[in-house]
Structures are given as structure tokens and as C-alpha cells.
Amino acid sequence: MHTVLARDFMVTKLVTLRPEMDVHQAIELLLRRRISGAPVVDPDYKYLGIFSERCSMQVMLDSAYEQLPSSDVGAFMDREALTITPETQLLSIAQAFLLTSYRRLPVIDDEGLLLGQISRRDVIRAAMKEMQTPPTRQRSLLYLSALMAREDAPIS
């Protein structure tokens, strides 16, 4: 699992939002597509943040208690969300999900462009696939040599 990287299993066909999009349309899109959030990007596909169900709750509360100061996605998106690079290892991604409440992690390149996204389910699926993959010939030879070394060890 140490050799599986984000680029190997990230989802690249994403629903994305623009910061100037009406926040109510964004919420309707999340509900219609049955997704819990979507990356917010500029026209050049540069990552700006995430708009999620949690952001939607803030919209709801602001609507109930005050006049909305703004009705665009940019005013409510999470700009500080955790991101990963295409070279982030599977186990590091799993640990990030374990230690945070994030449900998805955007995959961003060095220039800030959105390349894809990984969800908790994607990590579980990739890990299960890796665990079910038969060992390579090299790993099998290493295992056999370790086994033989144990058999040659003196008995105490």
C-alpha cells in the first residue's frame, strides 16, 4: 500500500462550482447529484475551496437569523480545507481521513490547479483492491527467503 499514490485512484470527473454561483443553486446541485460537497474553482480551474453540506448549514443559519450578506458560493465556501498532491500515499490519505472530519480531499498540483478528488470511500476501495492483489514475484521471493532463513535459525 506504500506504493499506491493519490494519482492512481483519484476521481477526475467532478462536479465543480464557481465562487460567483448563487448559493441556493449550489445547494440544489449538491442535493440533486447526491453529493456532500464540491470543489470551488476559478475559470482557469484553480482550486479556491470547498462548498459542502456544512457550508450549506451556515447558509441556512444565516438566512434564519440575519439577512444574507451575500448569496454567492464564495462567501460560504471553506477556503482552509485540507488538500493533497498527486504523490500523496494511500496510507497518508487514510490517516488524514481518520484524524479529521473531512469526507473528501481535493488533489491539487504545484500550481494550485484542481486535478481530482478522493473520498473516504475511494480510499477504502483502493486499500481493499491492494489487499486483494496477489503478491508480486519479488515480494513472494522475499517472503520465501525470510521463511527459509527462519528455518535455518538455531533452535534454542
N, C-alpha and C. Protein backbone atom coordinates (compact mmCIF):
# COMPACT_ATOMS: atom_id res chain seq x y z
N MET A 1 0.82 -1.20 0.00
CA MET A 1 0.00 0.00 0.00
C MET A 1 0.86 1.26 0.00
N HIS A 2 2.16 1.09 0.28
CA HIS A 2 3.05 2.25 0.31
C HIS A 2 3.31 2.80 -1.09
N THR A 3 3.05 1.99 -2.10
CA THR A 3 3.33 2.45 -3.46
C THR A 3 2.11 3.03 -4.16
N VAL A 4 0.94 2.93 -3.56
CA VAL A 4 -0.28 3.47 -4.17
C VAL A 4 -0.36 4.96 -3.83
N LEU A 5 -0.46 5.77 -4.88
CA LEU A 5 -0.48 7.23 -4.72
C LEU A 5 -1.85 7.79 -5.09
N ALA A 6 -2.11 8.99 -4.66
CA ALA A 6 -3.39 9.65 -4.94
C ALA A 6 -3.71 9.63 -6.43
N ARG A 7 -2.72 9.89 -7.27
CA ARG A 7 -2.96 9.94 -8.73
C ARG A 7 -3.43 8.60 -9.28
N ASP A 8 -3.17 7.50 -8.54
CA ASP A 8 -3.55 6.16 -9.00
C ASP A 8 -5.03 5.87 -8.85
N PHE A 9 -5.72 6.59 -7.96
CA PHE A 9 -7.12 6.26 -7.72
C PHE A 9 -8.03 7.47 -7.53
N MET A 10 -7.53 8.67 -7.77
CA MET A 10 -8.37 9.86 -7.61
C MET A 10 -9.46 9.89 -8.69
N VAL A 11 -10.56 10.50 -8.34
CA VAL A 11 -11.66 10.69 -9.28
C VAL A 11 -11.40 12.01 -10.00
N THR A 12 -11.51 11.99 -11.33
CA THR A 12 -11.20 13.20 -12.10
C THR A 12 -12.42 13.85 -12.73
N LYS A 13 -13.52 13.14 -12.81
CA LYS A 13 -14.76 13.73 -13.33
C LYS A 13 -15.55 14.25 -12.14
N LEU A 14 -15.45 15.56 -11.93
CA LEU A 14 -16.01 16.16 -10.73
C LEU A 14 -17.09 17.17 -11.04
N VAL A 15 -18.02 17.31 -10.11
CA VAL A 15 -18.93 18.44 -10.12
C VAL A 15 -18.16 19.57 -9.46
N THR A 16 -18.01 20.68 -10.15
CA THR A 16 -17.32 21.83 -9.57
C THR A 16 -18.25 23.03 -9.55
N LEU A 17 -17.93 23.97 -8.69
CA LEU A 17 -18.72 25.19 -8.53
C LEU A 17 -17.83 26.39 -8.78
N ARG A 18 -18.45 27.50 -9.10
CA ARG A 18 -17.75 28.78 -9.26
C ARG A 18 -18.08 29.65 -8.05
N PRO A 19 -17.17 30.51 -7.62
CA PRO A 19 -17.43 31.32 -6.42
C PRO A 19 -18.59 32.30 -6.59
N GLU A 20 -18.88 32.71 -7.81
CA GLU A 20 -19.97 33.66 -8.04
C GLU A 20 -21.33 32.98 -8.20
N MET A 21 -21.36 31.65 -8.17
CA MET A 21 -22.63 30.92 -8.32
C MET A 21 -23.55 31.21 -7.14
N ASP A 22 -24.83 31.31 -7.39
CA ASP A 22 -25.82 31.51 -6.33
C ASP A 22 -25.77 30.34 -5.36
N VAL A 23 -25.70 30.64 -4.09
CA VAL A 23 -25.54 29.62 -3.06
C VAL A 23 -26.72 28.64 -3.02
N HIS A 24 -27.93 29.13 -3.30
CA HIS A 24 -29.09 28.24 -3.30
C HIS A 24 -29.05 27.28 -4.48
N GLN A 25 -28.55 27.74 -5.62
CA GLN A 25 -28.38 26.83 -6.76
C GLN A 25 -27.32 25.78 -6.45
N ALA A 26 -26.28 26.18 -5.75
CA ALA A 26 -25.23 25.23 -5.38
C ALA A 26 -25.78 24.15 -4.45
N ILE A 27 -26.59 24.56 -3.48
CA ILE A 27 -27.19 23.59 -2.55
C ILE A 27 -28.11 22.64 -3.32
N GLU A 28 -28.92 23.18 -4.21
CA GLU A 28 -29.80 22.33 -5.03
C GLU A 28 -29.00 21.34 -5.87
N LEU A 29 -27.85 21.78 -6.39
CA LEU A 29 -26.99 20.90 -7.17
C LEU A 29 -26.44 19.76 -6.32
N LEU A 30 -25.99 20.08 -5.12
CA LEU A 30 -25.50 19.03 -4.21
C LEU A 30 -26.60 18.02 -3.92
N LEU A 31 -27.78 18.50 -3.65
CA LEU A 31 -28.90 17.61 -3.34
C LEU A 31 -29.29 16.76 -4.55
N ARG A 32 -29.37 17.39 -5.71
CA ARG A 32 -29.76 16.68 -6.93
C ARG A 32 -28.73 15.61 -7.31
N ARG A 33 -27.45 15.91 -7.15
CA ARG A 33 -26.39 14.97 -7.52
C ARG A 33 -26.07 13.99 -6.40
N ARG A 34 -26.70 14.18 -5.23
CA ARG A 34 -26.48 13.32 -4.06
C ARG A 34 -25.01 13.26 -3.67
N ILE A 35 -24.40 14.44 -3.60
CA ILE A 35 -23.01 14.55 -3.16
C ILE A 35 -22.96 15.47 -1.95
N SER A 36 -21.95 15.27 -1.12
CA SER A 36 -21.88 16.03 0.12
C SER A 36 -21.08 17.33 -0.01
N GLY A 37 -20.48 17.55 -1.16
CA GLY A 37 -19.73 18.77 -1.37
C GLY A 37 -19.08 18.77 -2.74
N ALA A 38 -18.55 19.94 -3.11
CA ALA A 38 -17.90 20.08 -4.41
C ALA A 38 -16.81 21.13 -4.32
N PRO A 39 -15.72 20.93 -5.07
CA PRO A 39 -14.66 21.93 -5.11
C PRO A 39 -15.14 23.21 -5.81
N VAL A 40 -14.62 24.33 -5.35
CA VAL A 40 -14.90 25.62 -5.98
C VAL A 40 -13.63 26.01 -6.74
N VAL A 41 -13.79 26.34 -8.02
CA VAL A 41 -12.65 26.68 -8.87
C VAL A 41 -12.91 27.98 -9.62
N ASP A 42 -11.81 28.61 -10.07
CA ASP A 42 -11.93 29.80 -10.90
C ASP A 42 -12.02 29.36 -12.37
N PRO A 43 -12.15 30.28 -13.32
CA PRO A 43 -12.29 29.90 -14.73
C PRO A 43 -11.10 29.10 -15.28
N ASP A 44 -9.91 29.25 -14.65
CA ASP A 44 -8.73 28.50 -15.09
C ASP A 44 -8.59 27.16 -14.37
N TYR A 45 -9.58 26.78 -13.60
CA TYR A 45 -9.65 25.54 -12.83
C TYR A 45 -8.70 25.55 -11.63
N LYS A 46 -8.32 26.74 -11.18
CA LYS A 46 -7.51 26.85 -9.98
C LYS A 46 -8.42 26.63 -8.77
N TYR A 47 -7.96 25.80 -7.87
CA TYR A 47 -8.74 25.45 -6.68
C TYR A 47 -8.83 26.65 -5.74
N LEU A 48 -10.06 26.93 -5.27
CA LEU A 48 -10.29 28.04 -4.35
C LEU A 48 -10.80 27.58 -2.99
N GLY A 49 -11.49 26.44 -2.94
CA GLY A 49 -12.05 25.95 -1.69
C GLY A 49 -13.09 24.87 -1.94
N ILE A 50 -13.82 24.55 -0.90
CA ILE A 50 -14.87 23.51 -0.95
C ILE A 50 -16.17 24.12 -0.48
N PHE A 51 -17.25 23.77 -1.16
CA PHE A 51 -18.59 24.11 -0.69
C PHE A 51 -19.25 22.78 -0.34
N SER A 52 -19.66 22.63 0.92
CA SER A 52 -20.13 21.33 1.41
C SER A 52 -21.48 21.45 2.11
N GLU A 53 -21.96 20.31 2.57
CA GLU A 53 -23.19 20.31 3.37
C GLU A 53 -23.02 21.19 4.60
N ARG A 54 -21.82 21.17 5.17
CA ARG A 54 -21.55 22.01 6.34
C ARG A 54 -21.68 23.49 5.98
N CYS A 55 -21.16 23.88 4.83
CA CYS A 55 -21.32 25.27 4.36
C CYS A 55 -22.80 25.59 4.16
N SER A 56 -23.53 24.61 3.66
CA SER A 56 -24.97 24.79 3.44
C SER A 56 -25.70 25.06 4.75
N MET A 57 -25.27 24.42 5.82
CA MET A 57 -25.85 24.66 7.14
C MET A 57 -25.63 26.10 7.57
N GLN A 58 -24.45 26.65 7.24
CA GLN A 58 -24.16 28.04 7.58
C GLN A 58 -25.09 28.97 6.81
N VAL A 59 -25.35 28.64 5.55
CA VAL A 59 -26.30 29.42 4.74
C VAL A 59 -27.66 29.41 5.41
N MET A 60 -28.10 28.23 5.84
CA MET A 60 -29.41 28.08 6.47
C MET A 60 -29.49 28.93 7.75
N LEU A 61 -28.45 28.85 8.59
CA LEU A 61 -28.46 29.62 9.83
C LEU A 61 -28.41 31.12 9.57
N ASP A 62 -27.59 31.54 8.63
CA ASP A 62 -27.53 32.96 8.30
C ASP A 62 -28.86 33.46 7.76
N SER A 63 -29.53 32.63 6.99
CA SER A 63 -30.84 33.00 6.44
C SER A 63 -31.88 33.13 7.54
N ALA A 64 -31.80 32.27 8.54
CA ALA A 64 -32.79 32.27 9.61
C ALA A 64 -32.63 33.44 10.56
N TYR A 65 -31.39 33.82 10.85
CA TYR A 65 -31.14 34.81 11.88
C TYR A 65 -30.79 36.20 11.36
N GLU A 66 -30.36 36.29 10.12
CA GLU A 66 -29.96 37.59 9.57
C GLU A 66 -30.27 37.61 8.09
N GLN A 67 -30.14 38.77 7.54
CA GLN A 67 -30.19 38.86 6.09
C GLN A 67 -28.86 38.30 5.58
N LEU A 68 -28.92 37.53 4.51
CA LEU A 68 -27.68 37.01 3.94
C LEU A 68 -26.81 38.18 3.46
N PRO A 69 -25.56 38.25 3.94
CA PRO A 69 -24.69 39.33 3.48
C PRO A 69 -24.34 39.17 1.99
N SER A 70 -24.36 37.95 1.56
CA SER A 70 -24.06 37.64 0.17
C SER A 70 -24.78 36.34 -0.16
N SER A 71 -25.09 36.16 -1.40
CA SER A 71 -25.77 34.92 -1.77
C SER A 71 -24.94 34.12 -2.76
N ASP A 72 -23.61 34.33 -2.74
CA ASP A 72 -22.78 33.54 -3.64
C ASP A 72 -21.95 32.51 -2.87
N VAL A 73 -21.55 31.48 -3.58
CA VAL A 73 -20.80 30.36 -3.00
C VAL A 73 -19.51 30.85 -2.35
N GLY A 74 -18.85 31.81 -2.97
CA GLY A 74 -17.58 32.32 -2.46
C GLY A 74 -17.65 32.83 -1.04
N ALA A 75 -18.79 33.33 -0.63
CA ALA A 75 -18.95 33.86 0.72
C ALA A 75 -19.07 32.76 1.78
N PHE A 76 -19.40 31.55 1.37
CA PHE A 76 -19.66 30.47 2.32
C PHE A 76 -18.71 29.28 2.21
N MET A 77 -17.93 29.22 1.15
CA MET A 77 -17.05 28.06 0.95
C MET A 77 -15.95 28.00 2.00
N ASP A 78 -15.44 26.82 2.21
CA ASP A 78 -14.34 26.58 3.14
C ASP A 78 -13.03 26.78 2.37
N ARG A 79 -12.32 27.85 2.67
CA ARG A 79 -11.07 28.16 1.98
C ARG A 79 -9.87 27.47 2.61
N GLU A 80 -10.04 26.95 3.81
CA GLU A 80 -8.94 26.35 4.55
C GLU A 80 -8.97 24.82 4.53
N ALA A 81 -9.73 24.24 3.65
CA ALA A 81 -9.85 22.78 3.61
C ALA A 81 -8.52 22.13 3.28
N LEU A 82 -8.30 20.98 3.84
CA LEU A 82 -7.09 20.20 3.61
C LEU A 82 -7.06 19.73 2.16
N THR A 83 -5.90 19.82 1.53
CA THR A 83 -5.71 19.31 0.17
C THR A 83 -4.52 18.36 0.15
N ILE A 84 -4.43 17.57 -0.92
CA ILE A 84 -3.31 16.65 -1.08
C ILE A 84 -2.73 16.81 -2.48
N THR A 85 -1.56 16.24 -2.69
CA THR A 85 -0.92 16.27 -4.00
C THR A 85 -1.12 14.92 -4.68
N PRO A 86 -0.84 14.84 -5.97
CA PRO A 86 -0.98 13.54 -6.66
C PRO A 86 -0.02 12.49 -6.12
N GLU A 87 1.06 12.91 -5.45
CA GLU A 87 2.06 11.98 -4.93
C GLU A 87 1.79 11.53 -3.50
N THR A 88 0.71 11.97 -2.90
CA THR A 88 0.39 11.57 -1.52
C THR A 88 0.06 10.09 -1.48
N GLN A 89 0.68 9.38 -0.55
CA GLN A 89 0.50 7.93 -0.44
C GLN A 89 -0.86 7.57 0.18
N LEU A 90 -1.36 6.43 -0.24
CA LEU A 90 -2.66 5.92 0.22
C LEU A 90 -2.76 5.92 1.75
N LEU A 91 -1.73 5.42 2.43
CA LEU A 91 -1.80 5.35 3.89
C LEU A 91 -1.83 6.74 4.53
N SER A 92 -1.15 7.70 3.94
CA SER A 92 -1.20 9.08 4.45
C SER A 92 -2.59 9.67 4.27
N ILE A 93 -3.23 9.35 3.16
CA ILE A 93 -4.58 9.83 2.90
C ILE A 93 -5.55 9.21 3.91
N ALA A 94 -5.40 7.91 4.14
CA ALA A 94 -6.25 7.22 5.11
C ALA A 94 -6.09 7.84 6.49
N GLN A 95 -4.85 8.15 6.86
CA GLN A 95 -4.61 8.77 8.17
C GLN A 95 -5.25 10.16 8.24
N ALA A 96 -5.17 10.93 7.17
CA ALA A 96 -5.79 12.25 7.15
C ALA A 96 -7.29 12.14 7.38
N PHE A 97 -7.92 11.17 6.74
CA PHE A 97 -9.36 10.98 6.94
C PHE A 97 -9.66 10.52 8.37
N LEU A 98 -8.82 9.69 8.91
CA LEU A 98 -9.03 9.18 10.27
C LEU A 98 -8.93 10.31 11.31
N LEU A 99 -8.04 11.25 11.07
CA LEU A 99 -7.78 12.31 12.05
C LEU A 99 -8.62 13.57 11.86
N THR A 100 -9.38 13.64 10.77
CA THR A 100 -10.19 14.83 10.50
C THR A 100 -11.63 14.43 10.21
N SER A 101 -12.48 15.42 10.09
CA SER A 101 -13.88 15.14 9.75
C SER A 101 -14.14 15.28 8.25
N TYR A 102 -13.09 15.55 7.47
CA TYR A 102 -13.27 15.71 6.03
C TYR A 102 -13.81 14.45 5.39
N ARG A 103 -14.67 14.63 4.40
CA ARG A 103 -15.24 13.49 3.67
C ARG A 103 -14.63 13.35 2.30
N ARG A 104 -13.92 14.40 1.87
CA ARG A 104 -13.27 14.38 0.56
C ARG A 104 -12.03 15.26 0.64
N LEU A 105 -11.01 14.92 -0.18
CA LEU A 105 -9.80 15.72 -0.23
C LEU A 105 -9.50 16.07 -1.68
N PRO A 106 -9.44 17.35 -2.01
CA PRO A 106 -9.07 17.74 -3.37
C PRO A 106 -7.60 17.42 -3.64
N VAL A 107 -7.32 16.98 -4.84
CA VAL A 107 -5.95 16.71 -5.27
C VAL A 107 -5.52 17.91 -6.11
N ILE A 108 -4.48 18.60 -5.66
CA ILE A 108 -4.04 19.86 -6.25
C ILE A 108 -2.60 19.73 -6.71
N ASP A 109 -2.27 20.30 -7.88
CA ASP A 109 -0.88 20.28 -8.34
C ASP A 109 -0.11 21.46 -7.75
N ASP A 110 1.16 21.58 -8.11
CA ASP A 110 2.04 22.62 -7.55
C ASP A 110 1.57 24.03 -7.89
N GLU A 111 0.80 24.17 -8.95
CA GLU A 111 0.34 25.50 -9.38
C GLU A 111 -1.06 25.83 -8.84
N GLY A 112 -1.60 24.93 -8.02
CA GLY A 112 -2.91 25.18 -7.43
C GLY A 112 -4.08 24.73 -8.28
N LEU A 113 -3.82 23.99 -9.35
CA LEU A 113 -4.90 23.52 -10.21
C LEU A 113 -5.53 22.26 -9.64
N LEU A 114 -6.83 22.17 -9.74
CA LEU A 114 -7.56 21.01 -9.27
C LEU A 114 -7.39 19.87 -10.28
N LEU A 115 -6.84 18.75 -9.82
CA LEU A 115 -6.62 17.58 -10.68
C LEU A 115 -7.68 16.51 -10.47
N GLY A 116 -8.19 16.43 -9.25
CA GLY A 116 -9.16 15.39 -8.92
C GLY A 116 -9.56 15.49 -7.47
N GLN A 117 -10.16 14.44 -6.99
CA GLN A 117 -10.66 14.41 -5.61
C GLN A 117 -10.67 12.98 -5.13
N ILE A 118 -10.47 12.79 -3.84
CA ILE A 118 -10.52 11.47 -3.23
C ILE A 118 -11.47 11.53 -2.04
N SER A 119 -12.37 10.55 -1.98
CA SER A 119 -13.30 10.46 -0.86
C SER A 119 -12.85 9.34 0.07
N ARG A 120 -13.47 9.29 1.21
CA ARG A 120 -13.19 8.19 2.15
C ARG A 120 -13.45 6.84 1.47
N ARG A 121 -14.54 6.77 0.74
CA ARG A 121 -14.90 5.52 0.05
C ARG A 121 -13.84 5.14 -1.00
N ASP A 122 -13.28 6.13 -1.69
CA ASP A 122 -12.22 5.86 -2.66
C ASP A 122 -11.01 5.22 -1.98
N VAL A 123 -10.66 5.70 -0.79
CA VAL A 123 -9.53 5.16 -0.04
C VAL A 123 -9.80 3.72 0.36
N ILE A 124 -10.99 3.46 0.86
CA ILE A 124 -11.34 2.10 1.27
C ILE A 124 -11.30 1.17 0.07
N ARG A 125 -11.86 1.61 -1.05
CA ARG A 125 -11.87 0.80 -2.27
C ARG A 125 -10.45 0.51 -2.74
N ALA A 126 -9.57 1.52 -2.74
CA ALA A 126 -8.18 1.33 -3.19
C ALA A 126 -7.43 0.39 -2.25
N ALA A 127 -7.66 0.53 -0.95
CA ALA A 127 -6.99 -0.33 0.02
C ALA A 127 -7.45 -1.79 -0.14
N MET A 128 -8.74 -1.99 -0.31
CA MET A 128 -9.26 -3.35 -0.50
C MET A 128 -8.69 -3.98 -1.77
N LYS A 129 -8.62 -3.21 -2.82
CA LYS A 129 -8.05 -3.70 -4.08
C LYS A 129 -6.60 -4.09 -3.89
N GLU A 130 -5.85 -3.27 -3.19
CA GLU A 130 -4.43 -3.54 -2.95
C GLU A 130 -4.26 -4.78 -2.08
N MET A 131 -5.11 -4.95 -1.08
CA MET A 131 -5.00 -6.12 -0.20
C MET A 131 -5.37 -7.41 -0.92
N GLN A 132 -6.22 -7.31 -1.93
CA GLN A 132 -6.66 -8.50 -2.66
C GLN A 132 -5.77 -8.82 -3.85
N THR A 133 -4.85 -7.91 -4.20
CA THR A 133 -3.94 -8.14 -5.32
C THR A 133 -2.93 -9.19 -4.92
N PRO A 134 -2.74 -10.22 -5.78
CA PRO A 134 -1.75 -11.25 -5.44
C PRO A 134 -0.36 -10.63 -5.33
N PRO A 135 0.47 -11.17 -4.44
CA PRO A 135 1.80 -10.60 -4.27
C PRO A 135 2.62 -10.71 -5.55
N THR A 136 3.49 -9.75 -5.75
CA THR A 136 4.35 -9.79 -6.92
C THR A 136 5.40 -10.88 -6.75
N ARG A 137 6.03 -11.25 -7.81
CA ARG A 137 7.08 -12.28 -7.76
C ARG A 137 8.18 -11.87 -6.79
N GLN A 138 8.57 -10.60 -6.81
CA GLN A 138 9.63 -10.12 -5.93
C GLN A 138 9.21 -10.25 -4.47
N ARG A 139 7.97 -9.85 -4.14
CA ARG A 139 7.50 -9.98 -2.75
C ARG A 139 7.44 -11.44 -2.35
N SER A 140 7.04 -12.32 -3.28
CA SER A 140 6.97 -13.75 -2.98
C SER A 140 8.35 -14.31 -2.69
N LEU A 141 9.35 -13.90 -3.46
CA LEU A 141 10.72 -14.36 -3.24
C LEU A 141 11.26 -13.86 -1.91
N LEU A 142 10.96 -12.61 -1.56
CA LEU A 142 11.39 -12.07 -0.27
C LEU A 142 10.75 -12.85 0.88
N TYR A 143 9.48 -13.17 0.73
CA TYR A 143 8.77 -13.93 1.75
C TYR A 143 9.39 -15.32 1.90
N LEU A 144 9.66 -15.98 0.78
CA LEU A 144 10.25 -17.33 0.82
C LEU A 144 11.64 -17.30 1.44
N SER A 145 12.46 -16.31 1.08
CA SER A 145 13.81 -16.24 1.65
C SER A 145 13.76 -15.97 3.15
N ALA A 146 12.81 -15.15 3.60
CA ALA A 146 12.65 -14.90 5.03
C ALA A 146 12.21 -16.16 5.76
N LEU A 147 11.33 -16.92 5.11
CA LEU A 147 10.86 -18.18 5.69
C LEU A 147 12.00 -19.18 5.81
N MET A 148 12.81 -19.26 4.76
CA MET A 148 13.94 -20.20 4.77
C MET A 148 14.96 -19.78 5.81
N ALA A 149 15.18 -18.50 6.00
CA ALA A 149 16.13 -18.02 7.00
C ALA A 149 15.67 -18.40 8.39
N ARG A 150 14.37 -18.37 8.61
CA ARG A 150 13.83 -18.77 9.92
C ARG A 150 14.04 -20.24 10.17
N GLU A 151 13.92 -21.06 9.12
CA GLU A 151 14.09 -22.49 9.27
C GLU A 151 15.54 -22.85 9.55
N ASP A 152 16.48 -22.02 9.06
CA ASP A 152 17.89 -22.28 9.29
C ASP A 152 18.37 -21.79 10.64
N ALA A 153 17.56 -21.01 11.31
CA ALA A 153 17.96 -20.45 12.61
C ALA A 153 18.08 -21.57 13.63
N PRO A 154 19.09 -21.46 14.48
CA PRO A 154 19.26 -22.50 15.52
C PRO A 154 18.10 -22.48 16.50
N ILE A 155 17.75 -23.65 16.97
CA ILE A 155 16.67 -23.78 17.95
C ILE A 155 17.25 -23.58 19.32
N SER A 156 16.63 -22.74 20.13
CA SER A 156 17.16 -22.51 21.47
C SER A 156 16.27 -23.09 22.53
